[in-house]
Amino acid sequence: MPSSPPGPPPMPESKETPDKETNEGNGAMSAFAIISLVFGIILGIVWHLGAASLSYAKYGSIGWAILDFFFASFYYPFYALVLNTPSTPTTMFGGRRLRLPKLF
């Protein structure tokens, strides 16, 4: 009679209830993840609203403000490098230009 193939190895015994320490750690991590997610979403909305506010103040158009709300990460550098003009005349190092009084 031919021999039959060996059967699968016996399964190791597992605990029915996981350790108490493992459950507490997972609960704390998931609560931290949820709180971080909420703060991240709030920060993102404020970031995009700031870009929309700058755009509306610059152009006075709601259409541009909505567009810049969605593309805030492109609008902030564009605003800083191109659109933002200084309000007072300055010299190279940021100091005010010295205006000498006219004597004659």
C-alpha atoms as a PDB file:
ATOM      1  CA  MET A   1       0.000   0.000   0.000  1.00  0.00           C
ATOM      2  CA  PRO A   2       1.419   3.412  -0.945  1.00  0.00           C
ATOM      3  CA  SER A   3       2.212   5.785   1.836  1.00  0.00           C
ATOM      4  CA  SER A   4       0.086   8.915   2.126  1.00  0.00           C
ATOM      5  CA  PRO A   5       1.649  12.399   2.190  1.00  0.00           C
ATOM      6  CA  PRO A   6       2.255  13.858   5.624  1.00  0.00           C
ATOM      7  CA  GLY A   7      -0.480  16.059   7.019  1.00  0.00           C
ATOM      8  CA  PRO A   8      -0.134  19.767   7.794  1.00  0.00           C
ATOM      9  CA  PRO A   9       1.853  20.671  10.895  1.00  0.00           C
ATOM     10  CA  PRO A  10      -0.172  21.308  14.019  1.00  0.00           C
ATOM     11  CA  MET A  11      -1.294  24.918  14.517  1.00  0.00           C
ATOM     12  CA  PRO A  12       0.215  26.723  17.499  1.00  0.00           C
ATOM     13  CA  GLU A  13      -2.209  27.574  20.227  1.00  0.00           C
ATOM     14  CA  SER A  14      -3.294  31.206  20.272  1.00  0.00           C
ATOM     15  CA  LYS A  15      -4.715  33.287  23.060  1.00  0.00           C
ATOM     16  CA  GLU A  16      -8.371  34.054  22.762  1.00  0.00           C
ATOM     17  CA  THR A  17      -8.104  37.563  24.191  1.00  0.00           C
ATOM     18  CA  PRO A  18      -5.266  39.883  23.171  1.00  0.00           C
ATOM     19  CA  ASP A  19      -3.115  41.567  25.779  1.00  0.00           C
ATOM     20  CA  LYS A  20      -4.593  44.543  27.576  1.00  0.00           C
ATOM     21  CA  GLU A  21      -1.517  46.680  26.859  1.00  0.00           C
ATOM     22  CA  THR A  22      -1.838  46.160  23.102  1.00  0.00           C
ATOM     23  CA  ASN A  23      -5.447  47.331  23.039  1.00  0.00           C
ATOM     24  CA  GLU A  24      -4.695  50.485  25.041  1.00  0.00           C
ATOM     25  CA  GLY A  25      -1.825  51.398  22.738  1.00  0.00           C
ATOM     26  CA  ASN A  26      -3.969  50.973  19.626  1.00  0.00           C
ATOM     27  CA  GLY A  27      -6.755  53.091  21.096  1.00  0.00           C
ATOM     28  CA  ALA A  28      -4.391  55.912  21.981  1.00  0.00           C
ATOM     29  CA  MET A  29      -2.790  55.836  18.538  1.00  0.00           C
ATOM     30  CA  SER A  30      -6.141  55.920  16.759  1.00  0.00           C
ATOM     31  CA  ALA A  31      -7.328  58.834  18.922  1.00  0.00           C
ATOM     32  CA  PHE A  32      -4.077  60.680  18.156  1.00  0.00           C
ATOM     33  CA  ALA A  33      -4.551  59.971  14.450  1.00  0.00           C
ATOM     34  CA  ILE A  34      -8.114  61.309  14.467  1.00  0.00           C
ATOM     35  CA  ILE A  35      -7.142  64.478  16.361  1.00  0.00           C
ATOM     36  CA  SER A  36      -4.195  65.038  14.005  1.00  0.00           C
ATOM     37  CA  LEU A  37      -6.446  64.560  10.998  1.00  0.00           C
ATOM     38  CA  VAL A  38      -8.972  67.105  12.287  1.00  0.00           C
ATOM     39  CA  PHE A  39      -6.259  69.708  12.969  1.00  0.00           C
ATOM     40  CA  GLY A  40      -4.713  69.009   9.564  1.00  0.00           C
ATOM     41  CA  ILE A  41      -8.024  69.572   7.793  1.00  0.00           C
ATOM     42  CA  ILE A  42      -8.626  72.818   9.715  1.00  0.00           C
ATOM     43  CA  LEU A  43      -5.109  74.030   8.893  1.00  0.00           C
ATOM     44  CA  GLY A  44      -5.594  73.183   5.215  1.00  0.00           C
ATOM     45  CA  ILE A  45      -8.891  75.070   5.024  1.00  0.00           C
ATOM     46  CA  VAL A  46      -7.381  78.132   6.720  1.00  0.00           C
ATOM     47  CA  TRP A  47      -4.384  77.977   4.332  1.00  0.00           C
ATOM     48  CA  HIS A  48      -6.661  77.938   1.275  1.00  0.00           C
ATOM     49  CA  LEU A  49      -8.971  80.609   2.664  1.00  0.00           C
ATOM     50  CA  GLY A  50      -5.949  82.864   3.153  1.00  0.00           C
ATOM     51  CA  ALA A  51      -5.021  82.507  -0.516  1.00  0.00           C
ATOM     52  CA  ALA A  52      -8.606  83.271  -1.532  1.00  0.00           C
ATOM     53  CA  SER A  53      -8.643  86.334   0.715  1.00  0.00           C
ATOM     54  CA  LEU A  54      -5.387  87.664  -0.756  1.00  0.00           C
ATOM     55  CA  SER A  55      -6.703  87.074  -4.244  1.00  0.00           C
ATOM     56  CA  TYR A  56      -9.987  88.834  -3.549  1.00  0.00           C
ATOM     57  CA  ALA A  57      -8.169  91.799  -2.006  1.00  0.00           C
ATOM     58  CA  LYS A  58      -5.851  92.033  -5.023  1.00  0.00           C
ATOM     59  CA  TYR A  59      -8.348  91.522  -7.881  1.00  0.00           C
ATOM     60  CA  GLY A  60     -11.757  92.140  -6.308  1.00  0.00           C
ATOM     61  CA  SER A  61     -13.168  89.145  -8.161  1.00  0.00           C
ATOM     62  CA  ILE A  62     -14.892  86.177  -6.567  1.00  0.00           C
ATOM     63  CA  GLY A  63     -14.007  84.021  -9.567  1.00  0.00           C
ATOM     64  CA  TRP A  64     -10.263  84.535  -9.073  1.00  0.00           C
ATOM     65  CA  ALA A  65     -10.685  84.013  -5.331  1.00  0.00           C
ATOM     66  CA  ILE A  66     -12.375  80.635  -5.890  1.00  0.00           C
ATOM     67  CA  LEU A  67      -9.703  79.616  -8.395  1.00  0.00           C
ATOM     68  CA  ASP A  68      -6.921  80.634  -6.032  1.00  0.00           C
ATOM     69  CA  PHE A  69      -8.652  78.807  -3.169  1.00  0.00           C
ATOM     70  CA  PHE A  70      -8.140  75.539  -5.026  1.00  0.00           C
ATOM     71  CA  PHE A  71      -4.593  76.379  -6.171  1.00  0.00           C
ATOM     72  CA  ALA A  72      -3.262  77.994  -2.984  1.00  0.00           C
ATOM     73  CA  SER A  73       0.081  76.202  -3.104  1.00  0.00           C
ATOM     74  CA  PHE A  74       0.758  77.835  -6.498  1.00  0.00           C
ATOM     75  CA  TYR A  75      -0.777  81.207  -5.637  1.00  0.00           C
ATOM     76  CA  TYR A  76       1.303  81.983  -2.522  1.00  0.00           C
ATOM     77  CA  PRO A  77       4.714  81.851  -4.283  1.00  0.00           C
ATOM     78  CA  PHE A  78       3.298  83.717  -7.293  1.00  0.00           C
ATOM     79  CA  TYR A  79       1.933  86.411  -5.013  1.00  0.00           C
ATOM     80  CA  ALA A  80       5.205  86.681  -3.079  1.00  0.00           C
ATOM     81  CA  LEU A  81       7.425  86.880  -6.152  1.00  0.00           C
ATOM     82  CA  VAL A  82       5.292  88.771  -8.684  1.00  0.00           C
ATOM     83  CA  LEU A  83       2.205  90.450  -7.275  1.00  0.00           C
ATOM     84  CA  ASN A  84       3.323  91.788  -3.908  1.00  0.00           C
ATOM     85  CA  THR A  85       4.705  95.298  -4.325  1.00  0.00           C
ATOM     86  CA  PRO A  86       6.247  97.190  -1.427  1.00  0.00           C
ATOM     87  CA  SER A  87       4.161 100.077  -0.144  1.00  0.00           C
ATOM     88  CA  THR A  88       7.099 102.364   0.664  1.00  0.00           C
ATOM     89  CA  PRO A  89      10.194 103.005  -1.366  1.00  0.00           C
ATOM     90  CA  THR A  90      13.067 100.999   0.046  1.00  0.00           C
ATOM     91  CA  THR A  91      16.744 100.559  -0.564  1.00  0.00           C
ATOM     92  CA  MET A  92      18.460  97.269  -1.212  1.00  0.00           C
ATOM     93  CA  PHE A  93      18.667  96.164   2.421  1.00  0.00           C
ATOM     94  CA  GLY A  94      15.096  97.059   3.410  1.00  0.00           C
ATOM     95  CA  GLY A  95      15.794 100.375   5.101  1.00  0.00           C
ATOM     96  CA  ARG A  96      13.887 103.514   4.155  1.00  0.00           C
ATOM     97  CA  ARG A  97      15.426 105.794   1.627  1.00  0.00           C
ATOM     98  CA  LEU A  98      16.959 108.819   3.289  1.00  0.00           C
ATOM     99  CA  ARG A  99      15.456 112.038   1.941  1.00  0.00           C
ATOM    100  CA  LEU A 100      17.652 115.010   2.486  1.00  0.00           C
ATOM    101  CA  PRO A 101      15.975 118.399   2.859  1.00  0.00           C
ATOM    102  CA  LYS A 102      16.458 120.858   0.010  1.00  0.00           C
ATOM    103  CA  LEU A 103      18.566 123.774   1.070  1.00  0.00           C
ATOM    104  CA  PHE A 104      18.088 125.999  -1.981  1.00  0.00           C
END
